[in-house]
PDB file of N, CA and C in Angstrom:
ATOM      1  N   MET A   1      -6.044  -7.478 -25.676  1.00  0.00           N
ATOM      2  CA  MET A   1      -4.967  -8.249 -25.076  1.00  0.00           C
ATOM      3  C   MET A   1      -4.234  -8.997 -26.191  1.00  0.00           C
ATOM      4  N   SER A   2      -2.986  -9.005 -26.104  1.00  0.00           N
ATOM      5  CA  SER A   2      -2.113  -9.587 -27.117  1.00  0.00           C
ATOM      6  C   SER A   2      -1.566 -10.941 -26.668  1.00  0.00           C
ATOM      7  N   VAL A   3      -1.162 -11.751 -27.635  1.00  0.00           N
ATOM      8  CA  VAL A   3      -0.483 -13.013 -27.333  1.00  0.00           C
ATOM      9  C   VAL A   3       0.786 -12.749 -26.527  1.00  0.00           C
ATOM     10  N   ASP A   4       1.402 -11.604 -26.727  1.00  0.00           N
ATOM     11  CA  ASP A   4       2.635 -11.253 -26.012  1.00  0.00           C
ATOM     12  C   ASP A   4       2.430 -11.173 -24.503  1.00  0.00           C
ATOM     13  N   ASP A   5       1.175 -11.028 -24.044  1.00  0.00           N
ATOM     14  CA  ASP A   5       0.882 -10.918 -22.621  1.00  0.00           C
ATOM     15  C   ASP A   5       0.611 -12.268 -21.968  1.00  0.00           C
ATOM     16  N   ALA A   6       0.815 -13.365 -22.676  1.00  0.00           N
ATOM     17  CA  ALA A   6       0.530 -14.699 -22.134  1.00  0.00           C
ATOM     18  C   ALA A   6       1.424 -15.000 -20.935  1.00  0.00           C
ATOM     19  N   LEU A   7       0.848 -15.686 -19.962  1.00  0.00           N
ATOM     20  CA  LEU A   7       1.586 -16.119 -18.783  1.00  0.00           C
ATOM     21  C   LEU A   7       2.095 -17.534 -19.015  1.00  0.00           C
ATOM     22  N   LEU A   8       3.388 -17.736 -18.836  1.00  0.00           N
ATOM     23  CA  LEU A   8       4.007 -19.054 -18.991  1.00  0.00           C
ATOM     24  C   LEU A   8       4.365 -19.582 -17.614  1.00  0.00           C
ATOM     25  N   THR A   9       4.109 -20.862 -17.377  1.00  0.00           N
ATOM     26  CA  THR A   9       4.495 -21.476 -16.102  1.00  0.00           C
ATOM     27  C   THR A   9       5.130 -22.836 -16.349  1.00  0.00           C
ATOM     28  N   LEU A  10       6.047 -23.207 -15.469  1.00  0.00           N
ATOM     29  CA  LEU A  10       6.616 -24.552 -15.428  1.00  0.00           C
ATOM     30  C   LEU A  10       6.116 -25.170 -14.133  1.00  0.00           C
ATOM     31  N   GLU A  11       5.310 -26.212 -14.276  1.00  0.00           N
ATOM     32  CA  GLU A  11       4.676 -26.816 -13.109  1.00  0.00           C
ATOM     33  C   GLU A  11       4.983 -28.300 -13.040  1.00  0.00           C
ATOM     34  N   ARG A  12       5.285 -28.753 -11.845  1.00  0.00           N
ATOM     35  CA  ARG A  12       5.417 -30.176 -11.552  1.00  0.00           C
ATOM     36  C   ARG A  12       4.462 -30.439 -10.393  1.00  0.00           C
ATOM     37  N   ASP A  13       4.930 -30.481  -9.177  1.00  0.00           N
ATOM     38  CA  ASP A  13       4.036 -30.594  -8.022  1.00  0.00           C
ATOM     39  C   ASP A  13       3.486 -29.226  -7.625  1.00  0.00           C
ATOM     40  N   ASN A  14       4.180 -28.175  -8.029  1.00  0.00           N
ATOM     41  CA  ASN A  14       3.739 -26.805  -7.787  1.00  0.00           C
ATOM     42  C   ASN A  14       4.319 -25.923  -8.887  1.00  0.00           C
ATOM     43  N   VAL A  15       4.002 -24.650  -8.875  1.00  0.00           N
ATOM     44  CA  VAL A  15       4.552 -23.728  -9.872  1.00  0.00           C
ATOM     45  C   VAL A  15       6.008 -23.461  -9.505  1.00  0.00           C
ATOM     46  N   GLU A  16       6.916 -23.903 -10.364  1.00  0.00           N
ATOM     47  CA  GLU A  16       8.343 -23.738 -10.094  1.00  0.00           C
ATOM     48  C   GLU A  16       8.910 -22.472 -10.725  1.00  0.00           C
ATOM     49  N   HIS A  17       8.373 -22.082 -11.878  1.00  0.00           N
ATOM     50  CA  HIS A  17       8.828 -20.869 -12.573  1.00  0.00           C
ATOM     51  C   HIS A  17       7.630 -20.219 -13.246  1.00  0.00           C
ATOM     52  N   ARG A  18       7.719 -18.909 -13.446  1.00  0.00           N
ATOM     53  CA  ARG A  18       6.687 -18.191 -14.182  1.00  0.00           C
ATOM     54  C   ARG A  18       7.331 -17.012 -14.900  1.00  0.00           C
ATOM     55  N   ALA A  19       6.713 -16.615 -16.015  1.00  0.00           N
ATOM     56  CA  ALA A  19       7.219 -15.488 -16.797  1.00  0.00           C
ATOM     57  C   ALA A  19       6.125 -15.036 -17.751  1.00  0.00           C
ATOM     58  N   LEU A  20       6.207 -13.797 -18.203  1.00  0.00           N
ATOM     59  CA  LEU A  20       5.345 -13.323 -19.276  1.00  0.00           C
ATOM     60  C   LEU A  20       6.034 -13.602 -20.599  1.00  0.00           C
ATOM     61  N   LEU A  21       5.248 -13.938 -21.591  1.00  0.00           N
ATOM     62  CA  LEU A  21       5.806 -14.234 -22.906  1.00  0.00           C
ATOM     63  C   LEU A  21       6.600 -13.044 -23.443  1.00  0.00           C
ATOM     64  N   SER A  22       6.128 -11.833 -23.192  1.00  0.00           N
ATOM     65  CA  SER A  22       6.805 -10.641 -23.698  1.00  0.00           C
ATOM     66  C   SER A  22       8.141 -10.375 -23.019  1.00  0.00           C
ATOM     67  N   LEU A  23       8.328 -10.886 -21.779  1.00  0.00           N
ATOM     68  CA  LEU A  23       9.556 -10.615 -21.034  1.00  0.00           C
ATOM     69  C   LEU A  23      10.492 -11.806 -20.952  1.00  0.00           C
ATOM     70  N   GLY A  24       9.946 -13.013 -21.046  1.00  0.00           N
ATOM     71  CA  GLY A  24      10.781 -14.206 -20.923  1.00  0.00           C
ATOM     72  C   GLY A  24      11.296 -14.370 -19.505  1.00  0.00           C
ATOM     73  N   GLY A  25      12.273 -15.227 -19.354  1.00  0.00           N
ATOM     74  CA  GLY A  25      12.859 -15.475 -18.044  1.00  0.00           C
ATOM     75  C   GLY A  25      14.174 -16.204 -18.193  1.00  0.00           C
ATOM     76  N   ASP A  26      14.894 -16.326 -17.074  1.00  0.00           N
ATOM     77  CA  ASP A  26      16.201 -16.985 -17.137  1.00  0.00           C
ATOM     78  C   ASP A  26      16.083 -18.503 -17.216  1.00  0.00           C
ATOM     79  N   TRP A  27      14.876 -19.039 -17.091  1.00  0.00           N
ATOM     80  CA  TRP A  27      14.656 -20.486 -17.111  1.00  0.00           C
ATOM     81  C   TRP A  27      14.194 -21.005 -18.472  1.00  0.00           C
ATOM     82  N   LEU A  28      13.993 -20.096 -19.441  1.00  0.00           N
ATOM     83  CA  LEU A  28      13.575 -20.549 -20.762  1.00  0.00           C
ATOM     84  C   LEU A  28      14.140 -19.664 -21.852  1.00  0.00           C
ATOM     85  N   GLN A  29      14.223 -20.224 -23.029  1.00  0.00           N
ATOM     86  CA  GLN A  29      14.681 -19.499 -24.215  1.00  0.00           C
ATOM     87  C   GLN A  29      13.489 -19.402 -25.155  1.00  0.00           C
ATOM     88  N   LEU A  30      13.151 -18.187 -25.612  1.00  0.00           N
ATOM     89  CA  LEU A  30      12.015 -17.964 -26.491  1.00  0.00           C
ATOM     90  C   LEU A  30      12.468 -17.455 -27.844  1.00  0.00           C
ATOM     91  N   GLN A  31      11.789 -17.916 -28.886  1.00  0.00           N
ATOM     92  CA  GLN A  31      12.064 -17.443 -30.235  1.00  0.00           C
ATOM     93  C   GLN A  31      10.734 -17.252 -30.941  1.00  0.00           C
ATOM     94  N   ARG A  32      10.481 -16.053 -31.431  1.00  0.00           N
ATOM     95  CA  ARG A  32       9.244 -15.788 -32.174  1.00  0.00           C
ATOM     96  C   ARG A  32       9.426 -16.286 -33.603  1.00  0.00           C
ATOM     97  N   VAL A  33       8.517 -17.130 -34.066  1.00  0.00           N
ATOM     98  CA  VAL A  33       8.624 -17.687 -35.414  1.00  0.00           C
ATOM     99  C   VAL A  33       7.539 -17.145 -36.344  1.00  0.00           C
ATOM    100  N   ALA A  34       6.509 -16.512 -35.797  1.00  0.00           N
ATOM    101  CA  ALA A  34       5.431 -15.870 -36.554  1.00  0.00           C
ATOM    102  C   ALA A  34       4.759 -14.873 -35.605  1.00  0.00           C
ATOM    103  N   PRO A  35       3.926 -13.976 -36.114  1.00  0.00           N
ATOM    104  CA  PRO A  35       3.309 -12.976 -35.235  1.00  0.00           C
ATOM    105  C   PRO A  35       2.579 -13.559 -34.018  1.00  0.00           C
ATOM    106  N   SER A  36       2.001 -14.743 -34.138  1.00  0.00           N
ATOM    107  CA  SER A  36       1.300 -15.336 -32.996  1.00  0.00           C
ATOM    108  C   SER A  36       1.807 -16.744 -32.680  1.00  0.00           C
ATOM    109  N   GLN A  37       3.081 -17.006 -33.031  1.00  0.00           N
ATOM    110  CA  GLN A  37       3.654 -18.329 -32.761  1.00  0.00           C
ATOM    111  C   GLN A  37       5.053 -18.171 -32.174  1.00  0.00           C
ATOM    112  N   TRP A  38       5.304 -18.919 -31.092  1.00  0.00           N
ATOM    113  CA  TRP A  38       6.582 -18.885 -30.403  1.00  0.00           C
ATOM    114  C   TRP A  38       7.135 -20.300 -30.280  1.00  0.00           C
ATOM    115  N   LYS A  39       8.446 -20.387 -30.196  1.00  0.00           N
ATOM    116  CA  LYS A  39       9.126 -21.650 -29.943  1.00  0.00           C
ATOM    117  C   LYS A  39       9.888 -21.463 -28.631  1.00  0.00           C
ATOM    118  N   SER A  40       9.809 -22.451 -27.741  1.00  0.00           N
ATOM    119  CA  SER A  40      10.478 -22.299 -26.454  1.00  0.00           C
ATOM    120  C   SER A  40      11.299 -23.531 -26.118  1.00  0.00           C
ATOM    121  N   ALA A  41      12.301 -23.328 -25.275  1.00  0.00           N
ATOM    122  CA  ALA A  41      13.136 -24.407 -24.776  1.00  0.00           C
ATOM    123  C   ALA A  41      13.459 -24.106 -23.321  1.00  0.00           C
ATOM    124  N   HIS A  42      13.376 -25.128 -22.487  1.00  0.00           N
ATOM    125  CA  HIS A  42      13.674 -24.979 -21.066  1.00  0.00           C
ATOM    126  C   HIS A  42      15.188 -24.886 -20.879  1.00  0.00           C
ATOM    127  N   GLN A  43      15.622 -23.981 -20.043  1.00  0.00           N
ATOM    128  CA  GLN A  43      17.041 -23.798 -19.739  1.00  0.00           C
ATOM    129  C   GLN A  43      17.328 -24.332 -18.336  1.00  0.00           C
ATOM    130  N   GLY A  44      18.207 -25.314 -18.258  1.00  0.00           N
ATOM    131  CA  GLY A  44      18.678 -25.788 -16.978  1.00  0.00           C
ATOM    132  C   GLY A  44      17.777 -26.709 -16.291  1.00  0.00           C
TER     133      GLY A  44
END
């Protein structure tokens, strides 16, 4: 299993958004900075 398969979630009172690291989503911006390191920013 690769780091690229990580599940990302945005949670407050419940899970509001979810995405796989390899696919991203419309609610976040992802940038790979090293083979096993990512930088993310919430969109909107």
